């Protein structure tokens, strides 16, 4: 049985204390305690991770890596491999908050256009009563109907706003570039098996859940590929052809990529925890106010309100063809 030393312990503790870390942050910690750069000592780096996972397996934990589906950056984190009643005792979130989070993730994962996000207004308009009906969380009344728990009925809008900010701070959710709500890196790490069991379409290149992805131009084809996987595939081949229907893909590198690289280069160091960047983000209330101001400006110019005010039920009825027309 492999024996871990203090260097292994530091790596584990950094992930447990600070949550998922970017590849750059995790490599910086590894270099600081081992004097070896993972880029030039990949075998030694992999050996450390292998020994750590052997020991973590005894307590049903796993050190994993994943890619943020919105910017393609690699993250490392420690996740729980067991989902039982005992493991639920370790969460700081209440039952209504967990149901609210689950409803958001389900709404995003069921989007056939693979936008990977919903507006904050749609998220706040989610009714927890639907979660009770789906998961049978309520109790049977005398007439046989399902009664809604008081904690769900009394879950106010202000509580939803506070919960969203907490979920973003803990990296279960994230704010996208257009101020929508997306799936956070901790969810991507921890809910891998859930996405598979929920039959969320996977990326054709990396086989991970394609929450935020590009769809095949052929409407009869179900192939979807992450933007960063599409970029990798495009760099290897001059012309991208759908691996399923042979339809040619039109690919244009995102214009915002140089900005992302600059932000990553100026990211937090080992002495500056990544959570500080999250805490400095505007709260959901200020983001909603900014969205409303933007929507009012658009309404005055174009003559109709923004589509962000549509209820969630209308968003789910969007087809791939209508989405392309927009």
C-alpha atoms as a PDB file:
ATOM      1  CA  UNK A   1       0.000   0.000   0.000  1.00  0.00           C
ATOM      2  CA  UNK A   2       1.355   3.381  -1.003  1.00  0.00           C
ATOM      3  CA  UNK A   3       2.381   5.679   1.859  1.00  0.00           C
ATOM      4  CA  UNK A   4       1.744   9.396   1.507  1.00  0.00           C
ATOM      5  CA  UNK A   5       4.170  11.990   2.818  1.00  0.00           C
ATOM      6  CA  UNK A   6       3.639  15.640   3.735  1.00  0.00           C
ATOM      7  CA  UNK A   7       3.871  16.713   0.088  1.00  0.00           C
ATOM      8  CA  UNK A   8       0.903  14.541  -0.845  1.00  0.00           C
ATOM      9  CA  UNK A   9      -0.957  15.891   2.168  1.00  0.00           C
ATOM     10  CA  UNK A  10      -0.375  19.503   1.073  1.00  0.00           C
ATOM     11  CA  UNK A  11      -1.808  18.782  -2.375  1.00  0.00           C
ATOM     12  CA  UNK A  12      -4.895  17.132  -0.886  1.00  0.00           C
ATOM     13  CA  UNK A  13      -5.382  19.851   1.731  1.00  0.00           C
ATOM     14  CA  UNK A  14      -5.102  22.641  -0.841  1.00  0.00           C
ATOM     15  CA  UNK A  15      -7.958  21.133  -2.868  1.00  0.00           C
ATOM     16  CA  UNK A  16     -10.115  20.426   0.181  1.00  0.00           C
ATOM     17  CA  UNK A  17      -9.618  23.882   1.680  1.00  0.00           C
ATOM     18  CA  UNK A  18      -9.797  26.006  -1.464  1.00  0.00           C
ATOM     19  CA  UNK A  19     -12.060  23.933  -3.681  1.00  0.00           C
ATOM     20  CA  UNK A  20     -11.353  23.195  -7.355  1.00  0.00           C
ATOM     21  CA  UNK A  21      -8.147  24.852  -8.552  1.00  0.00           C
ATOM     22  CA  UNK A  22      -7.105  25.740 -12.075  1.00  0.00           C
ATOM     23  CA  UNK A  23      -4.355  23.687 -13.642  1.00  0.00           C
ATOM     24  CA  UNK A  24      -1.980  26.633 -13.322  1.00  0.00           C
ATOM     25  CA  UNK A  25      -2.722  27.076  -9.610  1.00  0.00           C
ATOM     26  CA  UNK A  26      -2.416  23.362  -8.869  1.00  0.00           C
ATOM     27  CA  UNK A  27       0.838  23.097 -10.851  1.00  0.00           C
ATOM     28  CA  UNK A  28       2.214  26.100  -8.961  1.00  0.00           C
ATOM     29  CA  UNK A  29       1.568  24.368  -5.640  1.00  0.00           C
ATOM     30  CA  UNK A  30       3.106  21.136  -6.914  1.00  0.00           C
ATOM     31  CA  UNK A  31       6.221  22.967  -8.121  1.00  0.00           C
ATOM     32  CA  UNK A  32       6.538  24.821  -4.820  1.00  0.00           C
ATOM     33  CA  UNK A  33       6.612  21.663  -2.696  1.00  0.00           C
ATOM     34  CA  UNK A  34       8.504  19.313  -5.044  1.00  0.00           C
ATOM     35  CA  UNK A  35      10.780  21.703  -7.016  1.00  0.00           C
ATOM     36  CA  UNK A  36       9.574  19.937 -10.170  1.00  0.00           C
ATOM     37  CA  UNK A  37       7.515  21.479 -12.944  1.00  0.00           C
ATOM     38  CA  UNK A  38       4.689  19.160 -14.095  1.00  0.00           C
ATOM     39  CA  UNK A  39       5.259  20.376 -17.644  1.00  0.00           C
ATOM     40  CA  UNK A  40       8.760  18.895 -17.723  1.00  0.00           C
ATOM     41  CA  UNK A  41       8.219  16.137 -15.124  1.00  0.00           C
ATOM     42  CA  UNK A  42       4.854  14.768 -16.200  1.00  0.00           C
ATOM     43  CA  UNK A  43       5.667  11.229 -15.079  1.00  0.00           C
ATOM     44  CA  UNK A  44       6.496  12.378 -11.541  1.00  0.00           C
ATOM     45  CA  UNK A  45       3.321  14.480 -11.420  1.00  0.00           C
ATOM     46  CA  UNK A  46       1.191  11.520 -12.540  1.00  0.00           C
ATOM     47  CA  UNK A  47       2.862   9.291  -9.948  1.00  0.00           C
ATOM     48  CA  UNK A  48       1.870  11.722  -7.177  1.00  0.00           C
ATOM     49  CA  UNK A  49      -1.747  11.749  -8.364  1.00  0.00           C
ATOM     50  CA  UNK A  50      -1.817   7.955  -8.646  1.00  0.00           C
ATOM     51  CA  UNK A  51      -0.594   7.471  -5.065  1.00  0.00           C
ATOM     52  CA  UNK A  52      -3.054  10.054  -3.763  1.00  0.00           C
ATOM     53  CA  UNK A  53      -6.004   8.371  -5.490  1.00  0.00           C
ATOM     54  CA  UNK A  54      -4.997   4.968  -4.161  1.00  0.00           C
ATOM     55  CA  UNK A  55      -5.257   6.268  -0.609  1.00  0.00           C
ATOM     56  CA  UNK A  56      -8.363   8.383  -1.202  1.00  0.00           C
ATOM     57  CA  UNK A  57     -10.191   5.351  -2.594  1.00  0.00           C
ATOM     58  CA  UNK A  58     -10.350   3.890   0.934  1.00  0.00           C
ATOM     59  CA  UNK A  59     -12.605   6.774   1.994  1.00  0.00           C
ATOM     60  CA  UNK A  60     -14.570   6.865  -1.282  1.00  0.00           C
ATOM     61  CA  UNK A  61     -12.906  10.058  -2.527  1.00  0.00           C
ATOM     62  CA  UNK A  62     -11.257  10.772  -5.854  1.00  0.00           C
ATOM     63  CA  UNK A  63      -8.909  13.466  -7.191  1.00  0.00           C
ATOM     64  CA  UNK A  64     -10.141  14.376 -10.670  1.00  0.00           C
ATOM     65  CA  UNK A  65      -9.481  16.810 -13.453  1.00  0.00           C
ATOM     66  CA  UNK A  66     -12.066  18.397 -15.735  1.00  0.00           C
ATOM     67  CA  UNK A  67     -12.437  21.257 -18.189  1.00  0.00           C
ATOM     68  CA  UNK A  68     -14.579  24.293 -17.586  1.00  0.00           C
ATOM     69  CA  UNK A  69     -17.130  24.074 -20.399  1.00  0.00           C
ATOM     70  CA  UNK A  70     -17.215  27.861 -20.803  1.00  0.00           C
ATOM     71  CA  UNK A  71     -13.524  28.718 -21.173  1.00  0.00           C
ATOM     72  CA  UNK A  72     -11.857  25.302 -21.644  1.00  0.00           C
ATOM     73  CA  UNK A  73      -9.491  25.680 -18.677  1.00  0.00           C
ATOM     74  CA  UNK A  74      -8.501  22.543 -16.753  1.00  0.00           C
ATOM     75  CA  UNK A  75      -9.442  22.284 -13.057  1.00  0.00           C
ATOM     76  CA  UNK A  76      -8.464  19.798 -10.347  1.00  0.00           C
ATOM     77  CA  UNK A  77     -10.649  18.864  -7.402  1.00  0.00           C
ATOM     78  CA  UNK A  78     -11.478  16.176  -4.828  1.00  0.00           C
ATOM     79  CA  UNK A  79     -14.947  14.644  -5.146  1.00  0.00           C
ATOM     80  CA  UNK A  80     -17.080  12.160  -3.223  1.00  0.00           C
ATOM     81  CA  UNK A  81     -17.764   8.882  -5.030  1.00  0.00           C
ATOM     82  CA  UNK A  82     -20.703   7.892  -2.808  1.00  0.00           C
ATOM     83  CA  UNK A  83     -24.171   9.429  -2.887  1.00  0.00           C
ATOM     84  CA  UNK A  84     -26.094   8.169   0.138  1.00  0.00           C
ATOM     85  CA  UNK A  85     -28.007   9.591   3.084  1.00  0.00           C
ATOM     86  CA  UNK A  86     -24.852   9.772   5.216  1.00  0.00           C
ATOM     87  CA  UNK A  87     -22.954  11.815   2.629  1.00  0.00           C
ATOM     88  CA  UNK A  88     -25.830  14.303   2.451  1.00  0.00           C
ATOM     89  CA  UNK A  89     -25.209  15.200   6.102  1.00  0.00           C
ATOM     90  CA  UNK A  90     -21.977  16.948   5.110  1.00  0.00           C
ATOM     91  CA  UNK A  91     -23.670  19.658   3.063  1.00  0.00           C
ATOM     92  CA  UNK A  92     -24.342  23.162   4.375  1.00  0.00           C
ATOM     93  CA  UNK A  93     -27.341  23.641   2.072  1.00  0.00           C
ATOM     94  CA  UNK A  94     -30.929  23.067   3.128  1.00  0.00           C
ATOM     95  CA  UNK A  95     -33.323  20.704   1.350  1.00  0.00           C
ATOM     96  CA  UNK A  96     -35.088  23.532  -0.558  1.00  0.00           C
ATOM     97  CA  UNK A  97     -31.711  24.958  -1.615  1.00  0.00           C
ATOM     98  CA  UNK A  98     -30.574  21.563  -2.925  1.00  0.00           C
ATOM     99  CA  UNK A  99     -33.865  21.156  -4.802  1.00  0.00           C
ATOM    100  CA  UNK A 100     -33.425  24.642  -6.276  1.00  0.00           C
ATOM    101  CA  UNK A 101     -29.881  23.814  -7.393  1.00  0.00           C
ATOM    102  CA  UNK A 102     -30.986  20.500  -8.905  1.00  0.00           C
ATOM    103  CA  UNK A 103     -33.781  22.198 -10.847  1.00  0.00           C
ATOM    104  CA  UNK A 104     -31.305  24.696 -12.342  1.00  0.00           C
ATOM    105  CA  UNK A 105     -28.864  21.975 -13.400  1.00  0.00           C
ATOM    106  CA  UNK A 106     -31.688  19.904 -14.897  1.00  0.00           C
ATOM    107  CA  UNK A 107     -32.987  22.879 -16.875  1.00  0.00           C
ATOM    108  CA  UNK A 108     -29.534  23.614 -18.301  1.00  0.00           C
ATOM    109  CA  UNK A 109     -28.773  19.968 -19.125  1.00  0.00           C
ATOM    110  CA  UNK A 110     -32.123  19.484 -20.905  1.00  0.00           C
ATOM    111  CA  UNK A 111     -31.585  22.427 -23.266  1.00  0.00           C
ATOM    112  CA  UNK A 112     -31.527  20.966 -26.783  1.00  0.00           C
ATOM    113  CA  UNK A 113     -29.676  24.029 -28.107  1.00  0.00           C
ATOM    114  CA  UNK A 114     -26.710  23.335 -25.762  1.00  0.00           C
ATOM    115  CA  UNK A 115     -26.405  26.966 -24.653  1.00  0.00           C
ATOM    116  CA  UNK A 116     -25.133  25.768 -21.269  1.00  0.00           C
ATOM    117  CA  UNK A 117     -26.905  28.463 -19.255  1.00  0.00           C
ATOM    118  CA  UNK A 118     -30.201  30.085 -18.332  1.00  0.00           C
ATOM    119  CA  UNK A 119     -30.953  33.668 -17.437  1.00  0.00           C
ATOM    120  CA  UNK A 120     -31.054  34.645 -13.785  1.00  0.00           C
ATOM    121  CA  UNK A 121     -34.715  35.594 -14.224  1.00  0.00           C
ATOM    122  CA  UNK A 122     -35.572  32.111 -15.491  1.00  0.00           C
ATOM    123  CA  UNK A 123     -33.627  30.595 -12.602  1.00  0.00           C
ATOM    124  CA  UNK A 124     -35.480  32.681 -10.018  1.00  0.00           C
ATOM    125  CA  UNK A 125     -38.830  31.772 -11.595  1.00  0.00           C
ATOM    126  CA  UNK A 126     -38.229  28.036 -11.128  1.00  0.00           C
ATOM    127  CA  UNK A 127     -40.963  26.567  -8.928  1.00  0.00           C
ATOM    128  CA  UNK A 128     -39.820  24.119  -6.276  1.00  0.00           C
ATOM    129  CA  UNK A 129     -43.272  22.536  -6.336  1.00  0.00           C
ATOM    130  CA  UNK A 130     -42.278  20.856  -9.600  1.00  0.00           C
ATOM    131  CA  UNK A 131     -39.321  19.231  -7.846  1.00  0.00           C
ATOM    132  CA  UNK A 132     -41.662  17.841  -5.220  1.00  0.00           C
ATOM    133  CA  UNK A 133     -43.874  16.290  -7.891  1.00  0.00           C
ATOM    134  CA  UNK A 134     -40.922  14.840  -9.800  1.00  0.00           C
ATOM    135  CA  UNK A 135     -39.035  13.435  -6.825  1.00  0.00           C
ATOM    136  CA  UNK A 136     -42.035  12.802  -4.521  1.00  0.00           C
ATOM    137  CA  UNK A 137     -40.476  14.803  -1.688  1.00  0.00           C
ATOM    138  CA  UNK A 138     -43.831  15.745  -0.228  1.00  0.00           C
ATOM    139  CA  UNK A 139     -46.109  13.781   2.065  1.00  0.00           C
ATOM    140  CA  UNK A 140     -49.454  12.202   1.211  1.00  0.00           C
ATOM    141  CA  UNK A 141     -52.514  14.021   2.556  1.00  0.00           C
ATOM    142  CA  UNK A 142     -55.706  12.322   3.705  1.00  0.00           C
ATOM    143  CA  UNK A 143     -57.332  12.586   0.300  1.00  0.00           C
ATOM    144  CA  UNK A 144     -54.293  10.953  -1.323  1.00  0.00           C
ATOM    145  CA  UNK A 145     -52.891  14.122  -2.935  1.00  0.00           C
ATOM    146  CA  UNK A 146     -49.260  15.149  -2.535  1.00  0.00           C
ATOM    147  CA  UNK A 147     -48.809  18.058  -0.114  1.00  0.00           C
ATOM    148  CA  UNK A 148     -46.002  20.564  -0.640  1.00  0.00           C
ATOM    149  CA  UNK A 149     -43.633  20.974   2.354  1.00  0.00           C
ATOM    150  CA  UNK A 150     -43.861  24.368   4.040  1.00  0.00           C
ATOM    151  CA  UNK A 151     -40.128  24.949   3.527  1.00  0.00           C
ATOM    152  CA  UNK A 152     -40.695  24.727  -0.254  1.00  0.00           C
ATOM    153  CA  UNK A 153     -43.786  26.947  -0.263  1.00  0.00           C
ATOM    154  CA  UNK A 154     -42.042  29.594   1.853  1.00  0.00           C
ATOM    155  CA  UNK A 155     -38.823  29.637  -0.189  1.00  0.00           C
ATOM    156  CA  UNK A 156     -38.946  33.331  -1.107  1.00  0.00           C
ATOM    157  CA  UNK A 157     -37.353  35.149  -4.021  1.00  0.00           C
ATOM    158  CA  UNK A 158     -34.774  36.740  -1.716  1.00  0.00           C
ATOM    159  CA  UNK A 159     -33.750  33.271  -0.521  1.00  0.00           C
ATOM    160  CA  UNK A 160     -33.323  32.146  -4.119  1.00  0.00           C
ATOM    161  CA  UNK A 161     -31.100  35.147  -4.842  1.00  0.00           C
ATOM    162  CA  UNK A 162     -28.967  34.427  -1.787  1.00  0.00           C
ATOM    163  CA  UNK A 163     -28.752  30.739  -2.693  1.00  0.00           C
ATOM    164  CA  UNK A 164     -27.599  31.543  -6.229  1.00  0.00           C
ATOM    165  CA  UNK A 165     -24.805  33.753  -4.903  1.00  0.00           C
ATOM    166  CA  UNK A 166     -23.739  31.015  -2.471  1.00  0.00           C
ATOM    167  CA  UNK A 167     -23.743  28.345  -5.183  1.00  0.00           C
ATOM    168  CA  UNK A 168     -21.619  30.567  -7.428  1.00  0.00           C
ATOM    169  CA  UNK A 169     -19.196  31.330  -4.602  1.00  0.00           C
ATOM    170  CA  UNK A 170     -18.815  27.592  -3.900  1.00  0.00           C
ATOM    171  CA  UNK A 171     -18.354  26.921  -7.649  1.00  0.00           C
ATOM    172  CA  UNK A 172     -21.429  24.720  -7.987  1.00  0.00           C
ATOM    173  CA  UNK A 173     -22.772  27.300 -10.429  1.00  0.00           C
ATOM    174  CA  UNK A 174     -21.116  30.149 -12.309  1.00  0.00           C
ATOM    175  CA  UNK A 175     -21.910  33.427 -14.002  1.00  0.00           C
ATOM    176  CA  UNK A 176     -21.282  33.344 -17.741  1.00  0.00           C
ATOM    177  CA  UNK A 177     -19.918  36.239 -19.764  1.00  0.00           C
ATOM    178  CA  UNK A 178     -23.448  37.430 -20.579  1.00  0.00           C
ATOM    179  CA  UNK A 179     -24.440  37.332 -16.872  1.00  0.00           C
ATOM    180  CA  UNK A 180     -26.457  34.138 -17.207  1.00  0.00           C
ATOM    181  CA  UNK A 181     -26.320  31.188 -14.811  1.00  0.00           C
ATOM    182  CA  UNK A 182     -24.104  28.270 -15.871  1.00  0.00           C
ATOM    183  CA  UNK A 183     -22.881  24.996 -14.379  1.00  0.00           C
ATOM    184  CA  UNK A 184     -19.816  25.472 -12.168  1.00  0.00           C
ATOM    185  CA  UNK A 185     -16.625  23.424 -12.271  1.00  0.00           C
ATOM    186  CA  UNK A 186     -17.464  21.691  -8.989  1.00  0.00           C
ATOM    187  CA  UNK A 187     -20.670  20.363 -10.562  1.00  0.00           C
ATOM    188  CA  UNK A 188     -18.778  19.237 -13.653  1.00  0.00           C
ATOM    189  CA  UNK A 189     -16.344  17.365 -11.409  1.00  0.00           C
ATOM    190  CA  UNK A 190     -18.883  15.926  -8.988  1.00  0.00           C
ATOM    191  CA  UNK A 191     -21.892  15.219 -11.238  1.00  0.00           C
ATOM    192  CA  UNK A 192     -20.129  13.316 -14.008  1.00  0.00           C
ATOM    193  CA  UNK A 193     -22.043  10.102 -13.328  1.00  0.00           C
ATOM    194  CA  UNK A 194     -25.315  12.022 -12.912  1.00  0.00           C
ATOM    195  CA  UNK A 195     -24.938  13.602 -16.359  1.00  0.00           C
ATOM    196  CA  UNK A 196     -24.312  10.139 -17.788  1.00  0.00           C
ATOM    197  CA  UNK A 197     -27.332   8.586 -16.050  1.00  0.00           C
ATOM    198  CA  UNK A 198     -29.511  11.522 -17.110  1.00  0.00           C
ATOM    199  CA  UNK A 199     -28.481  10.799 -20.721  1.00  0.00           C
ATOM    200  CA  UNK A 200     -27.099  14.263 -21.319  1.00  0.00           C
ATOM    201  CA  UNK A 201     -25.617  14.146 -24.850  1.00  0.00           C
ATOM    202  CA  UNK A 202     -21.840  13.865 -24.692  1.00  0.00           C
ATOM    203  CA  UNK A 203     -19.187  15.628 -26.721  1.00  0.00           C
ATOM    204  CA  UNK A 204     -18.119  13.597 -29.735  1.00  0.00           C
ATOM    205  CA  UNK A 205     -14.423  14.356 -29.087  1.00  0.00           C
ATOM    206  CA  UNK A 206     -13.886  14.049 -25.301  1.00  0.00           C
ATOM    207  CA  UNK A 207     -17.018  12.022 -24.394  1.00  0.00           C
ATOM    208  CA  UNK A 208     -17.859  14.390 -21.503  1.00  0.00           C
ATOM    209  CA  UNK A 209     -21.328  15.921 -21.065  1.00  0.00           C
ATOM    210  CA  UNK A 210     -21.929  18.513 -23.772  1.00  0.00           C
ATOM    211  CA  UNK A 211     -23.697  21.172 -21.738  1.00  0.00           C
ATOM    212  CA  UNK A 212     -22.068  24.089 -23.564  1.00  0.00           C
ATOM    213  CA  UNK A 213     -21.335  22.903 -27.084  1.00  0.00           C
ATOM    214  CA  UNK A 214     -21.666  23.538 -30.798  1.00  0.00           C
ATOM    215  CA  UNK A 215     -24.295  21.488 -32.627  1.00  0.00           C
ATOM    216  CA  UNK A 216     -23.906  19.837 -35.993  1.00  0.00           C
ATOM    217  CA  UNK A 217     -25.330  22.106 -38.741  1.00  0.00           C
ATOM    218  CA  UNK A 218     -27.423  19.146 -39.914  1.00  0.00           C
ATOM    219  CA  UNK A 219     -30.632  19.410 -37.880  1.00  0.00           C
ATOM    220  CA  UNK A 220     -31.208  15.668 -38.172  1.00  0.00           C
ATOM    221  CA  UNK A 221     -27.844  14.928 -36.518  1.00  0.00           C
ATOM    222  CA  UNK A 222     -27.402  14.814 -32.739  1.00  0.00           C
ATOM    223  CA  UNK A 223     -23.623  15.330 -32.660  1.00  0.00           C
ATOM    224  CA  UNK A 224     -22.358  18.126 -30.406  1.00  0.00           C
ATOM    225  CA  UNK A 225     -18.769  19.188 -29.694  1.00  0.00           C
ATOM    226  CA  UNK A 226     -17.365  21.514 -27.040  1.00  0.00           C
ATOM    227  CA  UNK A 227     -15.947  24.737 -28.412  1.00  0.00           C
ATOM    228  CA  UNK A 228     -12.475  23.969 -27.046  1.00  0.00           C
ATOM    229  CA  UNK A 229     -12.650  20.444 -28.495  1.00  0.00           C
ATOM    230  CA  UNK A 230     -13.739  21.919 -31.811  1.00  0.00           C
ATOM    231  CA  UNK A 231     -10.745  24.250 -31.718  1.00  0.00           C
ATOM    232  CA  UNK A 232      -8.424  21.308 -31.068  1.00  0.00           C
ATOM    233  CA  UNK A 233      -9.991  19.312 -33.885  1.00  0.00           C
ATOM    234  CA  UNK A 234      -9.767  22.284 -36.225  1.00  0.00           C
ATOM    235  CA  UNK A 235      -6.056  22.798 -35.468  1.00  0.00           C
ATOM    236  CA  UNK A 236      -5.372  19.185 -36.434  1.00  0.00           C
ATOM    237  CA  UNK A 237      -7.452  19.175 -39.611  1.00  0.00           C
ATOM    238  CA  UNK A 238      -7.996  21.939 -42.114  1.00  0.00           C
ATOM    239  CA  UNK A 239     -11.677  21.075 -42.657  1.00  0.00           C
ATOM    240  CA  UNK A 240     -14.028  19.877 -39.935  1.00  0.00           C
ATOM    241  CA  UNK A 241     -16.453  17.192 -41.023  1.00  0.00           C
ATOM    242  CA  UNK A 242     -19.116  15.777 -38.735  1.00  0.00           C
ATOM    243  CA  UNK A 243     -17.989  12.287 -37.666  1.00  0.00           C
ATOM    244  CA  UNK A 244     -21.564  11.047 -37.920  1.00  0.00           C
ATOM    245  CA  UNK A 245     -23.196  12.584 -41.016  1.00  0.00           C
ATOM    246  CA  UNK A 246     -20.140  14.038 -42.862  1.00  0.00           C
ATOM    247  CA  UNK A 247     -21.622  17.539 -42.851  1.00  0.00           C
ATOM    248  CA  UNK A 248     -18.944  20.225 -43.041  1.00  0.00           C
ATOM    249  CA  UNK A 249     -18.669  22.398 -39.947  1.00  0.00           C
ATOM    250  CA  UNK A 250     -18.074  26.121 -40.164  1.00  0.00           C
ATOM    251  CA  UNK A 251     -15.652  27.091 -37.419  1.00  0.00           C
ATOM    252  CA  UNK A 252     -14.529  30.566 -36.444  1.00  0.00           C
ATOM    253  CA  UNK A 253     -12.174  30.986 -33.448  1.00  0.00           C
ATOM    254  CA  UNK A 254     -13.815  33.003 -30.657  1.00  0.00           C
ATOM    255  CA  UNK A 255     -12.774  36.646 -30.610  1.00  0.00           C
ATOM    256  CA  UNK A 256     -12.662  36.732 -26.815  1.00  0.00           C
ATOM    257  CA  UNK A 257      -9.928  34.111 -26.567  1.00  0.00           C
ATOM    258  CA  UNK A 258      -6.965  36.565 -26.231  1.00  0.00           C
ATOM    259  CA  UNK A 259      -8.745  38.220 -23.295  1.00  0.00           C
ATOM    260  CA  UNK A 260      -9.201  34.867 -21.568  1.00  0.00           C
ATOM    261  CA  UNK A 261      -5.529  34.075 -21.949  1.00  0.00           C
ATOM    262  CA  UNK A 262      -4.570  37.436 -20.473  1.00  0.00           C
ATOM    263  CA  UNK A 263      -6.875  36.924 -17.490  1.00  0.00           C
ATOM    264  CA  UNK A 264      -5.436  33.467 -16.900  1.00  0.00           C
ATOM    265  CA  UNK A 265      -1.895  34.852 -16.963  1.00  0.00           C
ATOM    266  CA  UNK A 266      -2.878  37.361 -14.282  1.00  0.00           C
ATOM    267  CA  UNK A 267      -4.854  34.819 -12.240  1.00  0.00           C
ATOM    268  CA  UNK A 268      -4.465  34.278  -8.493  1.00  0.00           C
ATOM    269  CA  UNK A 269      -1.213  32.847  -7.234  1.00  0.00           C
ATOM    270  CA  UNK A 270      -0.626  30.398  -4.430  1.00  0.00           C
ATOM    271  CA  UNK A 271      -0.694  33.198  -1.861  1.00  0.00           C
ATOM    272  CA  UNK A 272      -3.986  34.523  -3.246  1.00  0.00           C
ATOM    273  CA  UNK A 273      -6.860  32.016  -2.936  1.00  0.00           C
ATOM    274  CA  UNK A 274      -9.078  31.744  -6.027  1.00  0.00           C
ATOM    275  CA  UNK A 275     -12.173  32.375  -3.926  1.00  0.00           C
ATOM    276  CA  UNK A 276     -11.216  36.043  -3.638  1.00  0.00           C
ATOM    277  CA  UNK A 277     -11.981  36.571  -7.314  1.00  0.00           C
ATOM    278  CA  UNK A 278     -15.408  35.032  -6.821  1.00  0.00           C
ATOM    279  CA  UNK A 279     -16.207  37.092  -3.761  1.00  0.00           C
ATOM    280  CA  UNK A 280     -15.400  40.267  -5.655  1.00  0.00           C
ATOM    281  CA  UNK A 281     -17.991  39.473  -8.318  1.00  0.00           C
ATOM    282  CA  UNK A 282     -21.229  41.472  -8.289  1.00  0.00           C
ATOM    283  CA  UNK A 283     -24.119  39.847  -6.446  1.00  0.00           C
ATOM    284  CA  UNK A 284     -27.117  38.478  -8.287  1.00  0.00           C
ATOM    285  CA  UNK A 285     -29.215  41.497  -7.267  1.00  0.00           C
ATOM    286  CA  UNK A 286     -26.800  43.947  -8.912  1.00  0.00           C
ATOM    287  CA  UNK A 287     -26.529  41.726 -11.984  1.00  0.00           C
ATOM    288  CA  UNK A 288     -30.323  41.628 -12.320  1.00  0.00           C
ATOM    289  CA  UNK A 289     -30.467  45.405 -12.051  1.00  0.00           C
ATOM    290  CA  UNK A 290     -27.860  45.715 -14.783  1.00  0.00           C
ATOM    291  CA  UNK A 291     -29.794  43.262 -16.951  1.00  0.00           C
ATOM    292  CA  UNK A 292     -33.038  45.212 -16.492  1.00  0.00           C
ATOM    293  CA  UNK A 293     -31.326  48.455 -17.496  1.00  0.00           C
ATOM    294  CA  UNK A 294     -29.895  46.764 -20.563  1.00  0.00           C
ATOM    295  CA  UNK A 295     -33.282  45.288 -21.467  1.00  0.00           C
ATOM    296  CA  UNK A 296     -34.967  48.686 -21.145  1.00  0.00           C
ATOM    297  CA  UNK A 297     -32.415  50.219 -23.511  1.00  0.00           C
ATOM    298  CA  UNK A 298     -32.978  47.411 -26.017  1.00  0.00           C
ATOM    299  CA  UNK A 299     -36.753  47.819 -25.774  1.00  0.00           C
ATOM    300  CA  UNK A 300     -36.534  51.533 -26.547  1.00  0.00           C
ATOM    301  CA  UNK A 301     -34.282  50.925 -29.537  1.00  0.00           C
ATOM    302  CA  UNK A 302     -35.812  47.830 -31.088  1.00  0.00           C
ATOM    303  CA  UNK A 303     -39.391  48.119 -29.895  1.00  0.00           C
ATOM    304  CA  UNK A 304     -39.826  44.878 -27.999  1.00  0.00           C
ATOM    305  CA  UNK A 305     -38.635  43.417 -24.714  1.00  0.00           C
ATOM    306  CA  UNK A 306     -35.674  41.121 -24.333  1.00  0.00           C
ATOM    307  CA  UNK A 307     -36.157  37.391 -24.569  1.00  0.00           C
ATOM    308  CA  UNK A 308     -34.552  36.972 -21.149  1.00  0.00           C
ATOM    309  CA  UNK A 309     -37.923  37.720 -19.553  1.00  0.00           C
ATOM    310  CA  UNK A 310     -39.567  34.622 -21.017  1.00  0.00           C
ATOM    311  CA  UNK A 311     -40.585  31.965 -18.488  1.00  0.00           C
ATOM    312  CA  UNK A 312     -38.650  28.726 -18.279  1.00  0.00           C
ATOM    313  CA  UNK A 313     -41.503  26.737 -19.788  1.00  0.00           C
ATOM    314  CA  UNK A 314     -41.246  28.763 -23.014  1.00  0.00           C
ATOM    315  CA  UNK A 315     -37.502  28.344 -23.221  1.00  0.00           C
ATOM    316  CA  UNK A 316     -37.807  24.562 -23.157  1.00  0.00           C
ATOM    317  CA  UNK A 317     -40.001  24.624 -26.273  1.00  0.00           C
ATOM    318  CA  UNK A 318     -37.290  26.238 -28.390  1.00  0.00           C
ATOM    319  CA  UNK A 319     -36.280  24.007 -31.286  1.00  0.00           C
ATOM    320  CA  UNK A 320     -32.898  23.857 -32.963  1.00  0.00           C
ATOM    321  CA  UNK A 321     -34.279  25.395 -36.148  1.00  0.00           C
ATOM    322  CA  UNK A 322     -35.899  28.338 -34.351  1.00  0.00           C
ATOM    323  CA  UNK A 323     -32.778  28.865 -32.299  1.00  0.00           C
ATOM    324  CA  UNK A 324     -30.709  29.209 -35.466  1.00  0.00           C
ATOM    325  CA  UNK A 325     -33.145  31.696 -36.924  1.00  0.00           C
ATOM    326  CA  UNK A 326     -32.546  33.931 -33.924  1.00  0.00           C
END
